[in-house]
């Protein structure tokens, strides 16, 4: 049978979504397999799998407490190999995470709270439809909550956060991808040193970028608190960002507070900035694309980019004048590239940004727009529309590699701009996964007598499991121009195609959506 979809259903089995994304990425490497997805069989997930063409009758009959393994393969033999490999990986992971001895693992918030009496935090990664109920149980037991789950209704988020505020607890999320609490990374996070800078953000990769840059500048973070992308929505009211600021204000280990998000609704911004003003500590604020005058008027320090925020926080800790990130690196890197590469053709004028981090993507888009390029494109491949039936692009590089080759085939493309995110939960060797596509794209462009530049920044630290230096060395050897931050990478990309004006967000730039 040529081309087929097969599903394996494991009844009453739950696995963390990050684990499932990793298994899916490994299963897709099985010979003859084109797609693989592992999901809890909630109605919403079954609909997603069906829309992606990955649902057979067995998968369609699964219930919300069941785990579905779905594969698209060239033939029955390949499908069977893939399902067997998925089963093996799931069993292997279950054995690794099983508790030692005869004591069974807790199966509820109540059991876990009883067994771990000193715990003060619950991490929830269930299908979104069930996350609210579990979070409520945790809050009622006096536990802070980290909600990795997405697809939680805003009304439910409001209910959770109002209860948390009443009980003086934190709700991080829903859809919270990053936090570092007392040095312990949660979700997608990096190995950063401890220090006096506390972060609160409605942005996963924004928190990663700032914390990594702080680490690379020689300082460290006291706490990194993610609050979920909807916290600054007018309906939610910034409740947890306010709570995070108050906690950092009371924390003797925090000397400087950094806030990062998209621009909040004006009323929410006023409330958040008012709490920041009352903190009694210096506060650096990056509302990407927002009006710095509003921040300055509230007594805080505006930062146009994530790098500016990191540098400002470090300068304050060291008692130095706050200055914007230097621009000297950008023209130097651009000048070093031009003599070595084939010149761009007459029609080559565009930058194509292919991102795994949503906040990094938005920052690059703003900088390219401010630099004078109205037709450049940046795509967040981690957005929901791209992750249906496939792992997140921080884990699985297949879609980004496909997009790299497609962009290279466009005669208008001059520069391909990338983020490379390291840390816990990310791909074990991002550079190794990207380089074949990069080298293939450069060769394809050369055959068409076109130059093609790759520009990237690596979000990570020397202590990350992937190895910062190892990743940068591999990318540089493939011809990638490396910038020290995402902002400088975007400026470098603009410089290569002739846009020289420094992107400093002289005017506020607002994006819809």
Protein backbone atom coordinates (compact mmCIF):
# COMPACT_ATOMS: atom_id res chain seq x y z
CA UNK A 1 0.00 0.00 0.00
CA UNK A 2 1.60 3.29 -1.16
CA UNK A 3 1.26 6.05 1.38
CA UNK A 4 -0.71 5.47 4.52
CA UNK A 5 -1.58 6.82 7.95
CA UNK A 6 -1.54 4.63 11.05
CA UNK A 7 -2.32 5.38 14.68
CA UNK A 8 -1.39 3.65 17.92
CA UNK A 9 -3.54 4.38 20.97
CA UNK A 10 -2.37 3.96 24.55
CA UNK A 11 -5.36 3.96 26.85
CA UNK A 12 -5.30 6.07 30.04
CA UNK A 13 -1.73 7.17 29.42
CA UNK A 14 -0.41 10.71 29.89
CA UNK A 15 2.96 12.12 28.82
CA UNK A 16 4.36 15.64 29.06
CA UNK A 17 4.09 17.59 25.81
CA UNK A 18 7.86 18.28 25.60
CA UNK A 19 8.51 14.54 25.90
CA UNK A 20 5.96 13.88 23.17
CA UNK A 21 7.56 16.45 20.85
CA UNK A 22 10.95 14.82 21.33
CA UNK A 23 9.60 11.34 20.62
CA UNK A 24 7.80 12.62 17.51
CA UNK A 25 11.04 14.14 16.21
CA UNK A 26 12.86 10.82 16.67
CA UNK A 27 10.06 8.81 15.07
CA UNK A 28 10.17 11.05 11.99
CA UNK A 29 13.74 9.87 11.43
CA UNK A 30 12.53 6.30 10.83
CA UNK A 31 13.06 5.31 7.20
CA UNK A 32 9.93 5.82 5.11
CA UNK A 33 8.17 8.14 7.59
CA UNK A 34 7.10 11.62 6.43
CA UNK A 35 5.18 12.87 9.50
CA UNK A 36 4.71 11.85 13.12
CA UNK A 37 2.69 13.31 15.95
CA UNK A 38 2.07 12.26 19.55
CA UNK A 39 -0.81 13.94 21.37
CA UNK A 40 -3.39 13.38 24.06
CA UNK A 41 -6.62 12.54 22.27
CA UNK A 42 -8.68 15.53 23.36
CA UNK A 43 -11.40 16.63 20.93
CA UNK A 44 -9.28 19.63 19.90
CA UNK A 45 -6.19 17.49 19.29
CA UNK A 46 -8.15 14.90 17.33
CA UNK A 47 -9.43 17.73 15.16
CA UNK A 48 -5.87 18.97 14.62
CA UNK A 49 -4.66 15.49 13.69
CA UNK A 50 -7.58 15.04 11.33
CA UNK A 51 -6.87 18.36 9.64
CA UNK A 52 -3.25 17.31 9.20
CA UNK A 53 -4.29 14.03 7.61
CA UNK A 54 -2.87 11.97 10.49
CA UNK A 55 -5.96 10.41 12.01
CA UNK A 56 -7.27 6.92 11.22
CA UNK A 57 -10.32 5.17 12.66
CA UNK A 58 -8.45 3.92 15.72
CA UNK A 59 -7.18 7.42 16.53
CA UNK A 60 -10.62 8.93 15.95
CA UNK A 61 -12.10 6.54 18.52
CA UNK A 62 -9.59 7.48 21.26
CA UNK A 63 -10.73 9.38 24.32
CA UNK A 64 -9.29 12.48 26.04
CA UNK A 65 -7.35 10.39 28.56
CA UNK A 66 -5.67 8.36 25.82
CA UNK A 67 -2.36 9.00 24.07
CA UNK A 68 -2.37 8.84 20.26
CA UNK A 69 0.72 8.11 18.19
CA UNK A 70 0.04 9.06 14.57
CA UNK A 71 2.37 8.49 11.62
CA UNK A 72 2.25 9.07 7.88
CA UNK A 73 4.52 6.64 6.06
CA UNK A 74 5.36 5.39 2.59
CA UNK A 75 3.93 1.93 3.24
CA UNK A 76 2.65 -0.43 5.91
CA UNK A 77 6.11 -1.72 6.82
CA UNK A 78 7.43 1.80 7.45
CA UNK A 79 4.36 2.66 9.50
CA UNK A 80 4.78 -0.45 11.64
CA UNK A 81 8.48 0.34 12.21
CA UNK A 82 7.57 3.86 13.26
CA UNK A 83 4.87 2.78 15.69
CA UNK A 84 7.19 0.17 17.20
CA UNK A 85 9.91 2.81 17.63
CA UNK A 86 7.44 5.20 19.28
CA UNK A 87 6.33 2.47 21.70
CA UNK A 88 9.94 1.68 22.54
CA UNK A 89 10.80 5.32 23.22
CA UNK A 90 7.71 5.85 25.36
CA UNK A 91 8.44 2.73 27.40
CA UNK A 92 12.08 3.76 27.78
CA UNK A 93 11.10 7.19 29.05
CA UNK A 94 8.52 5.76 31.42
CA UNK A 95 11.13 3.44 32.91
CA UNK A 96 13.57 6.33 33.41
CA UNK A 97 10.98 8.48 35.15
CA UNK A 98 9.50 5.70 37.29
CA UNK A 99 10.04 6.13 41.03
CA UNK A 100 12.53 3.84 42.69
CA UNK A 101 11.32 1.22 45.12
CA UNK A 102 7.80 -0.01 45.51
CA UNK A 103 6.13 3.37 46.08
CA UNK A 104 3.81 4.19 43.16
CA UNK A 105 4.02 7.61 41.55
CA UNK A 106 1.39 10.11 42.73
CA UNK A 107 -1.56 10.27 40.35
CA UNK A 108 -3.18 13.48 41.59
CA UNK A 109 -2.35 16.92 42.99
CA UNK A 110 -3.62 15.76 46.38
CA UNK A 111 -1.39 12.67 46.44
CA UNK A 112 1.66 14.64 45.34
CA UNK A 113 1.04 17.40 47.90
CA UNK A 114 0.77 14.80 50.65
CA UNK A 115 3.91 12.95 49.60
CA UNK A 116 5.99 16.09 49.05
CA UNK A 117 4.86 18.16 51.99
CA UNK A 118 7.52 20.84 51.54
CA UNK A 119 6.76 21.48 47.88
CA UNK A 120 5.39 24.92 47.03
CA UNK A 121 5.05 24.68 43.24
CA UNK A 122 2.96 22.54 40.90
CA UNK A 123 3.95 22.17 37.24
CA UNK A 124 0.96 21.42 35.01
CA UNK A 125 1.31 20.09 31.48
CA UNK A 126 -2.01 18.46 30.69
CA UNK A 127 -4.28 19.08 27.72
CA UNK A 128 -5.62 22.61 28.00
CA UNK A 129 -9.16 21.44 28.70
CA UNK A 130 -8.02 19.91 32.00
CA UNK A 131 -5.33 22.38 33.03
CA UNK A 132 -7.70 24.80 34.77
CA UNK A 133 -9.15 22.16 37.08
CA UNK A 134 -5.69 20.91 38.08
CA UNK A 135 -4.40 24.44 38.59
CA UNK A 136 -7.36 25.26 40.84
CA UNK A 137 -6.61 22.19 42.97
CA UNK A 138 -3.00 23.33 43.35
CA UNK A 139 -3.90 26.91 44.21
CA UNK A 140 -6.42 25.79 46.84
CA UNK A 141 -3.59 23.82 48.47
CA UNK A 142 -1.43 26.93 48.62
CA UNK A 143 0.87 25.99 45.73
CA UNK A 144 2.28 28.32 43.10
CA UNK A 145 1.50 27.05 39.59
CA UNK A 146 3.53 26.81 36.39
CA UNK A 147 1.12 26.00 33.53
CA UNK A 148 2.94 24.75 30.46
CA UNK A 149 -0.39 23.80 28.85
CA UNK A 150 -1.87 25.96 26.12
CA UNK A 151 -5.42 26.22 24.78
CA UNK A 152 -6.74 27.47 28.14
CA UNK A 153 -9.66 29.88 27.79
CA UNK A 154 -8.96 33.47 28.76
CA UNK A 155 -11.95 33.40 31.14
CA UNK A 156 -10.35 30.44 32.95
CA UNK A 157 -7.01 32.26 33.08
CA UNK A 158 -8.71 35.26 34.67
CA UNK A 159 -10.35 33.00 37.28
CA UNK A 160 -7.03 31.32 38.13
CA UNK A 161 -5.08 34.54 38.39
CA UNK A 162 -7.67 36.35 40.48
CA UNK A 163 -7.63 33.46 42.94
CA UNK A 164 -3.83 33.44 42.92
CA UNK A 165 -3.68 37.19 43.58
CA UNK A 166 -6.11 36.77 46.48
CA UNK A 167 -3.97 33.99 47.98
CA UNK A 168 -0.64 35.81 47.24
CA UNK A 169 0.45 33.04 44.87
CA UNK A 170 1.90 33.03 41.36
CA UNK A 171 0.29 31.52 38.28
CA UNK A 172 2.90 31.30 35.54
CA UNK A 173 1.05 30.77 32.26
CA UNK A 174 -1.06 29.30 30.75
CA UNK A 175 1.22 28.57 27.80
CA UNK A 176 4.24 29.54 29.90
CA UNK A 177 7.34 28.27 28.18
CA UNK A 178 10.12 29.61 30.40
CA UNK A 179 10.95 30.23 34.04
CA UNK A 180 14.00 29.89 36.30
CA UNK A 181 13.13 29.80 39.98
CA UNK A 182 15.89 29.70 42.59
CA UNK A 183 18.24 28.50 39.85
CA UNK A 184 15.94 25.68 38.66
CA UNK A 185 14.98 25.95 34.94
CA UNK A 186 11.38 25.16 33.96
CA UNK A 187 10.16 24.54 30.41
CA UNK A 188 12.46 25.92 27.73
CA UNK A 189 15.18 27.69 29.72
CA UNK A 190 18.94 28.14 29.75
CA UNK A 191 21.72 27.42 32.21
CA UNK A 192 22.37 30.93 33.52
CA UNK A 193 24.37 31.96 36.55
CA UNK A 194 22.68 33.29 39.69
CA UNK A 195 22.89 37.02 40.28
CA UNK A 196 21.04 40.22 41.20
CA UNK A 197 18.85 40.76 38.11
CA UNK A 198 15.22 39.61 38.27
CA UNK A 199 13.10 39.14 35.14
CA UNK A 200 9.33 39.07 34.62
CA UNK A 201 8.02 38.51 31.13
CA UNK A 202 5.02 37.60 29.01
CA UNK A 203 7.52 36.20 26.58
CA UNK A 204 9.39 32.88 26.53
CA UNK A 205 12.26 33.51 24.12
CA UNK A 206 12.42 37.13 25.25
CA UNK A 207 13.24 35.91 28.75
CA UNK A 208 15.72 33.42 27.32
CA UNK A 209 17.50 36.08 25.26
CA UNK A 210 17.79 38.59 28.11
CA UNK A 211 18.87 36.02 30.71
CA UNK A 212 21.51 34.59 28.34
CA UNK A 213 22.87 38.03 27.46
CA UNK A 214 23.03 38.95 31.16
CA UNK A 215 25.00 35.75 31.77
CA UNK A 216 27.37 36.41 28.86
CA UNK A 217 27.95 39.96 30.14
CA UNK A 218 29.21 38.47 33.39
CA UNK A 219 26.19 38.92 35.66
CA UNK A 220 23.36 36.61 36.67
CA UNK A 221 19.64 36.31 37.38
CA UNK A 222 17.93 36.00 40.74
CA UNK A 223 14.59 34.82 39.33
CA UNK A 224 13.10 34.53 35.85
CA UNK A 225 9.30 34.58 36.01
CA UNK A 226 7.24 33.85 32.92
CA UNK A 227 3.60 34.89 33.18
CA UNK A 228 2.16 33.66 29.87
CA UNK A 229 1.49 35.56 26.68
CA UNK A 230 -2.03 36.67 27.64
CA UNK A 231 -1.26 38.14 31.05
CA UNK A 232 -1.09 41.73 29.77
CA UNK A 233 -4.34 41.34 27.85
CA UNK A 234 -6.90 43.86 29.04
CA UNK A 235 -9.14 41.06 30.27
CA UNK A 236 -6.42 39.53 32.47
CA UNK A 237 -5.06 42.90 33.53
CA UNK A 238 -1.40 42.03 34.06
CA UNK A 239 -2.22 40.41 37.39
CA UNK A 240 0.79 38.10 37.45
CA UNK A 241 3.27 40.60 36.07
CA UNK A 242 2.26 42.86 38.96
CA UNK A 243 2.61 39.95 41.39
CA UNK A 244 6.02 39.08 39.93
CA UNK A 245 7.24 42.67 40.35
CA UNK A 246 6.07 42.71 43.96
CA UNK A 247 7.89 39.46 44.69
CA UNK A 248 11.11 40.72 43.14
CA UNK A 249 10.73 43.99 45.04
CA UNK A 250 10.62 42.01 48.29
CA UNK A 251 13.49 39.71 47.28
CA UNK A 252 16.79 40.79 48.89
CA UNK A 253 18.69 38.95 46.16
CA UNK A 254 17.20 41.15 43.42
CA UNK A 255 18.71 44.60 42.83
CA UNK A 256 17.33 45.35 39.35
CA UNK A 257 14.01 44.31 37.78
CA UNK A 258 13.53 43.76 34.04
CA UNK A 259 10.10 43.54 32.36
CA UNK A 260 9.56 42.24 28.81
CA UNK A 261 6.44 41.81 26.66
CA UNK A 262 4.55 43.11 23.69
CA UNK A 263 2.97 46.54 24.40
CA UNK A 264 0.17 46.03 26.95
CA UNK A 265 -3.21 47.69 26.69
CA UNK A 266 -2.82 51.29 27.94
CA UNK A 267 -4.78 50.72 31.16
CA UNK A 268 -2.79 47.55 31.91
CA UNK A 269 0.49 49.34 31.18
CA UNK A 270 -0.43 52.05 33.70
CA UNK A 271 -1.14 49.49 36.42
CA UNK A 272 2.02 47.49 35.73
CA UNK A 273 4.22 50.58 35.60
CA UNK A 274 2.65 51.94 38.77
CA UNK A 275 3.58 48.75 40.63
CA UNK A 276 7.06 49.00 39.11
CA UNK A 277 7.40 52.58 40.35
CA UNK A 278 6.45 51.50 43.88
CA UNK A 279 9.00 48.65 43.90
CA UNK A 280 11.77 50.93 45.15
CA UNK A 281 14.21 49.30 42.72
CA UNK A 282 15.47 50.27 39.27
CA UNK A 283 13.17 48.82 36.61
CA UNK A 284 14.12 48.28 32.96
CA UNK A 285 11.18 47.83 30.60
CA UNK A 286 11.05 46.40 27.08
CA UNK A 287 7.57 46.61 25.59
CA UNK A 288 8.63 45.64 22.06
CA UNK A 289 7.31 48.22 19.61
CA UNK A 290 5.78 50.38 22.35
CA UNK A 291 6.26 54.04 23.20
CA UNK A 292 9.35 54.63 25.37
CA UNK A 293 7.92 57.95 26.55
CA UNK A 294 5.20 56.11 28.48
CA UNK A 295 7.81 54.00 30.26
CA UNK A 296 10.07 56.95 30.94
CA UNK A 297 7.14 58.94 32.30
CA UNK A 298 6.52 56.21 34.87
CA UNK A 299 10.06 56.48 36.21
CA UNK A 300 11.32 53.29 34.55
CA UNK A 301 14.13 52.84 32.01
CA UNK A 302 12.92 52.02 28.47
CA UNK A 303 14.91 49.56 26.36
CA UNK A 304 14.22 49.31 22.64
CA UNK A 305 15.61 45.80 22.27
CA UNK A 306 16.18 42.71 24.37
CA UNK A 307 19.92 43.34 24.22
CA UNK A 308 19.44 46.92 25.36
CA UNK A 309 17.45 45.59 28.34
CA UNK A 310 20.20 43.16 29.32
CA UNK A 311 22.93 45.80 28.96
CA UNK A 312 20.93 48.37 30.93
CA UNK A 313 20.34 45.95 33.81
CA UNK A 314 24.03 45.00 33.94
CA UNK A 315 25.10 48.66 33.83
CA UNK A 316 22.81 49.51 36.76
CA UNK A 317 24.14 46.61 38.83
CA UNK A 318 27.68 47.80 38.19
CA UNK A 319 26.88 51.43 38.89
CA UNK A 320 27.64 52.53 35.33
CA UNK A 321 25.82 54.80 32.89
CA UNK A 322 23.11 53.01 30.93
CA UNK A 323 24.01 53.03 27.24
CA UNK A 324 22.50 51.36 24.19
CA UNK A 325 24.16 48.30 22.74
CA UNK A 326 27.07 49.21 20.46
CA UNK A 327 26.48 49.21 16.73
CA UNK A 328 30.11 48.88 15.73
CA UNK A 329 29.93 45.10 15.37
CA UNK A 330 27.37 45.28 12.59
CA UNK A 331 29.27 47.13 9.84
CA UNK A 332 32.42 45.20 10.75
CA UNK A 333 30.70 41.86 10.22
CA UNK A 334 29.06 43.08 7.02
CA UNK A 335 32.39 44.30 5.63
CA UNK A 336 34.06 40.99 6.47
CA UNK A 337 31.45 39.04 4.52
CA UNK A 338 31.27 41.01 1.29
CA UNK A 339 34.73 40.26 -0.14
CA UNK A 340 34.32 36.53 0.48
CA UNK A 341 30.93 35.96 -1.04
CA UNK A 342 29.37 36.06 -4.48
CA UNK A 343 27.77 39.43 -5.03
CA UNK A 344 24.02 39.72 -4.80
CA UNK A 345 22.25 39.84 -8.13
CA UNK A 346 20.35 42.89 -9.26
CA UNK A 347 17.01 41.56 -8.02
CA UNK A 348 18.27 40.33 -4.66
CA UNK A 349 17.06 42.77 -2.02
CA UNK A 350 15.04 40.90 0.62
CA UNK A 351 15.66 39.47 4.07
CA UNK A 352 13.75 36.30 4.99
CA UNK A 353 13.57 35.66 8.73
CA UNK A 354 12.79 32.07 9.74
CA UNK A 355 12.35 31.93 13.51
CA UNK A 356 11.62 29.38 16.20
CA UNK A 357 11.03 32.06 18.89
CA UNK A 358 7.98 34.32 18.65
CA UNK A 359 9.43 37.26 20.58
CA UNK A 360 12.73 37.06 18.71
CA UNK A 361 10.77 37.05 15.46
CA UNK A 362 8.79 40.13 16.48
CA UNK A 363 11.93 42.00 17.53
CA UNK A 364 13.58 41.25 14.18
CA UNK A 365 10.46 42.36 12.27
CA UNK A 366 10.40 45.69 14.09
CA UNK A 367 14.10 46.31 13.48
CA UNK A 368 13.87 45.44 9.77
CA UNK A 369 10.89 47.74 9.40
CA UNK A 370 12.66 50.58 11.18
CA UNK A 371 15.78 50.01 9.08
CA UNK A 372 13.80 50.82 5.98
CA UNK A 373 12.79 47.47 4.62
CA UNK A 374 9.05 47.24 4.04
CA UNK A 375 9.04 44.01 2.01
CA UNK A 376 11.21 41.81 4.23
CA UNK A 377 9.40 38.91 5.89
CA UNK A 378 9.81 37.23 9.26
CA UNK A 379 7.93 34.06 10.14
CA UNK A 380 7.43 32.56 13.59
CA UNK A 381 7.50 28.84 12.87
CA UNK A 382 6.56 28.14 16.47
CA UNK A 383 3.12 29.64 15.93
CA UNK A 384 0.18 27.28 16.31
CA UNK A 385 -0.51 27.17 12.58
CA UNK A 386 2.90 25.56 11.96
CA UNK A 387 2.97 23.11 14.86
CA UNK A 388 -0.17 21.10 14.06
CA UNK A 389 0.92 17.51 13.93
CA UNK A 390 4.59 18.29 14.32
CA UNK A 391 7.01 19.15 17.16
CA UNK A 392 8.01 22.71 18.02
CA UNK A 393 10.79 24.09 15.77
CA UNK A 394 13.15 24.36 18.76
CA UNK A 395 13.06 20.55 18.75
CA UNK A 396 12.38 19.56 15.14
CA UNK A 397 14.16 21.45 12.34
CA UNK A 398 12.46 19.74 9.41
CA UNK A 399 10.01 22.56 8.60
CA UNK A 400 12.62 25.29 9.00
CA UNK A 401 15.02 23.45 6.75
CA UNK A 402 12.29 23.14 4.13
CA UNK A 403 11.64 26.87 4.42
CA UNK A 404 15.37 27.66 4.11
CA UNK A 405 15.58 25.78 0.81
CA UNK A 406 12.39 27.41 -0.45
CA UNK A 407 13.65 30.90 0.46
CA UNK A 408 16.98 30.18 -1.24
CA UNK A 409 15.09 29.33 -4.42
CA UNK A 410 13.46 32.78 -4.51
CA UNK A 411 15.56 35.07 -6.77
CA UNK A 412 14.64 38.06 -4.55
CA UNK A 413 16.12 36.53 -1.38
CA UNK A 414 19.51 37.96 -0.39
CA UNK A 415 19.72 37.15 3.32
CA UNK A 416 18.18 34.40 5.43
CA UNK A 417 17.96 35.41 9.09
CA UNK A 418 17.77 32.74 11.81
CA UNK A 419 17.56 32.34 15.56
CA UNK A 420 19.29 29.36 17.16
CA UNK A 421 17.94 28.66 20.65
CA UNK A 422 19.85 26.44 23.08
CA UNK A 423 18.93 25.26 26.55
CA UNK A 424 16.87 22.62 28.31
CA UNK A 425 14.11 21.19 26.14
CA UNK A 426 15.68 22.36 22.87
CA UNK A 427 17.27 20.19 20.16
CA UNK A 428 20.52 18.57 21.38
CA UNK A 429 22.47 19.88 18.35
CA UNK A 430 20.68 22.76 16.58
CA UNK A 431 23.68 23.68 14.44
CA UNK A 432 24.06 20.09 13.29
CA UNK A 433 20.40 20.07 12.27
CA UNK A 434 20.63 23.38 10.37
CA UNK A 435 23.98 23.14 8.58
CA UNK A 436 22.98 20.62 5.85
CA UNK A 437 20.10 22.88 4.78
CA UNK A 438 22.31 26.00 4.95
CA UNK A 439 25.02 24.40 2.82
CA UNK A 440 22.44 23.09 0.36
CA UNK A 441 20.84 26.54 0.05
CA UNK A 442 24.18 28.28 -0.59
CA UNK A 443 25.06 25.74 -3.31
CA UNK A 444 21.66 26.11 -4.95
CA UNK A 445 22.00 29.89 -5.03
CA UNK A 446 25.52 29.62 -6.48
CA UNK A 447 24.23 27.45 -9.32
CA UNK A 448 21.85 30.27 -10.13
CA UNK A 449 24.78 32.72 -10.04
CA UNK A 450 23.37 34.38 -6.95
CA UNK A 451 24.93 35.25 -3.63
CA UNK A 452 23.16 34.17 -0.46
CA UNK A 453 24.02 35.26 3.07
CA UNK A 454 22.98 33.57 6.29
CA UNK A 455 22.85 35.65 9.46
CA UNK A 456 22.10 34.22 12.90
CA UNK A 457 22.43 34.74 16.61
CA UNK A 458 22.69 31.94 19.13
CA UNK A 459 20.56 32.32 22.25
CA UNK A 460 22.44 30.36 24.88
CA UNK A 461 25.24 30.25 27.43
CA UNK A 462 28.50 28.30 27.76
CA UNK A 463 26.82 26.12 30.40
CA UNK A 464 23.94 25.01 28.17
CA UNK A 465 23.99 21.28 27.32
CA UNK A 466 24.43 21.98 23.58
CA UNK A 467 27.61 24.03 24.18
CA UNK A 468 27.51 27.65 23.01
CA UNK A 469 31.01 27.70 21.51
CA UNK A 470 30.50 24.36 19.76
CA UNK A 471 27.27 25.58 18.16
CA UNK A 472 28.74 28.90 17.03
CA UNK A 473 31.85 27.22 15.61
CA UNK A 474 29.77 24.78 13.56
CA UNK A 475 27.58 27.55 12.16
CA UNK A 476 30.52 29.82 11.33
CA UNK A 477 32.28 26.97 9.51
CA UNK A 478 29.18 26.66 7.30
CA UNK A 479 29.46 30.34 6.33
CA UNK A 480 26.88 31.79 8.74
CA UNK A 481 27.55 35.34 9.92
CA UNK A 482 27.05 35.36 13.69
CA UNK A 483 25.91 38.40 15.63
CA UNK A 484 26.07 38.66 19.44
CA UNK A 485 22.31 39.19 19.80
CA UNK A 486 19.09 38.83 17.87
CA UNK A 487 18.79 42.61 17.51
CA UNK A 488 22.27 42.91 16.04
CA UNK A 489 21.60 39.98 13.73
CA UNK A 490 18.56 41.82 12.34
CA UNK A 491 20.61 45.01 11.91
CA UNK A 492 23.35 43.06 10.17
CA UNK A 493 20.83 41.48 7.80
CA UNK A 494 19.46 44.93 6.93
CA UNK A 495 22.98 46.27 6.43
CA UNK A 496 23.85 43.51 3.96
CA UNK A 497 20.98 44.50 1.68
CA UNK A 498 21.80 48.17 1.92
CA UNK A 499 19.62 49.52 4.71
CA UNK A 500 22.05 51.48 6.84
CA UNK A 501 19.87 53.48 9.17
CA UNK A 502 20.35 52.20 12.76
CA UNK A 503 17.15 50.71 14.05
CA UNK A 504 16.55 52.51 17.31
CA UNK A 505 12.73 52.73 17.21
CA UNK A 506 12.70 56.50 17.01
CA UNK A 507 8.96 56.30 16.58
CA UNK A 508 6.65 53.75 18.24
CA UNK A 509 5.80 50.87 15.97
CA UNK A 510 2.58 49.03 16.65
CA UNK A 511 1.79 45.61 15.19
CA UNK A 512 -1.70 44.26 14.92
CA UNK A 513 -2.41 40.90 16.51
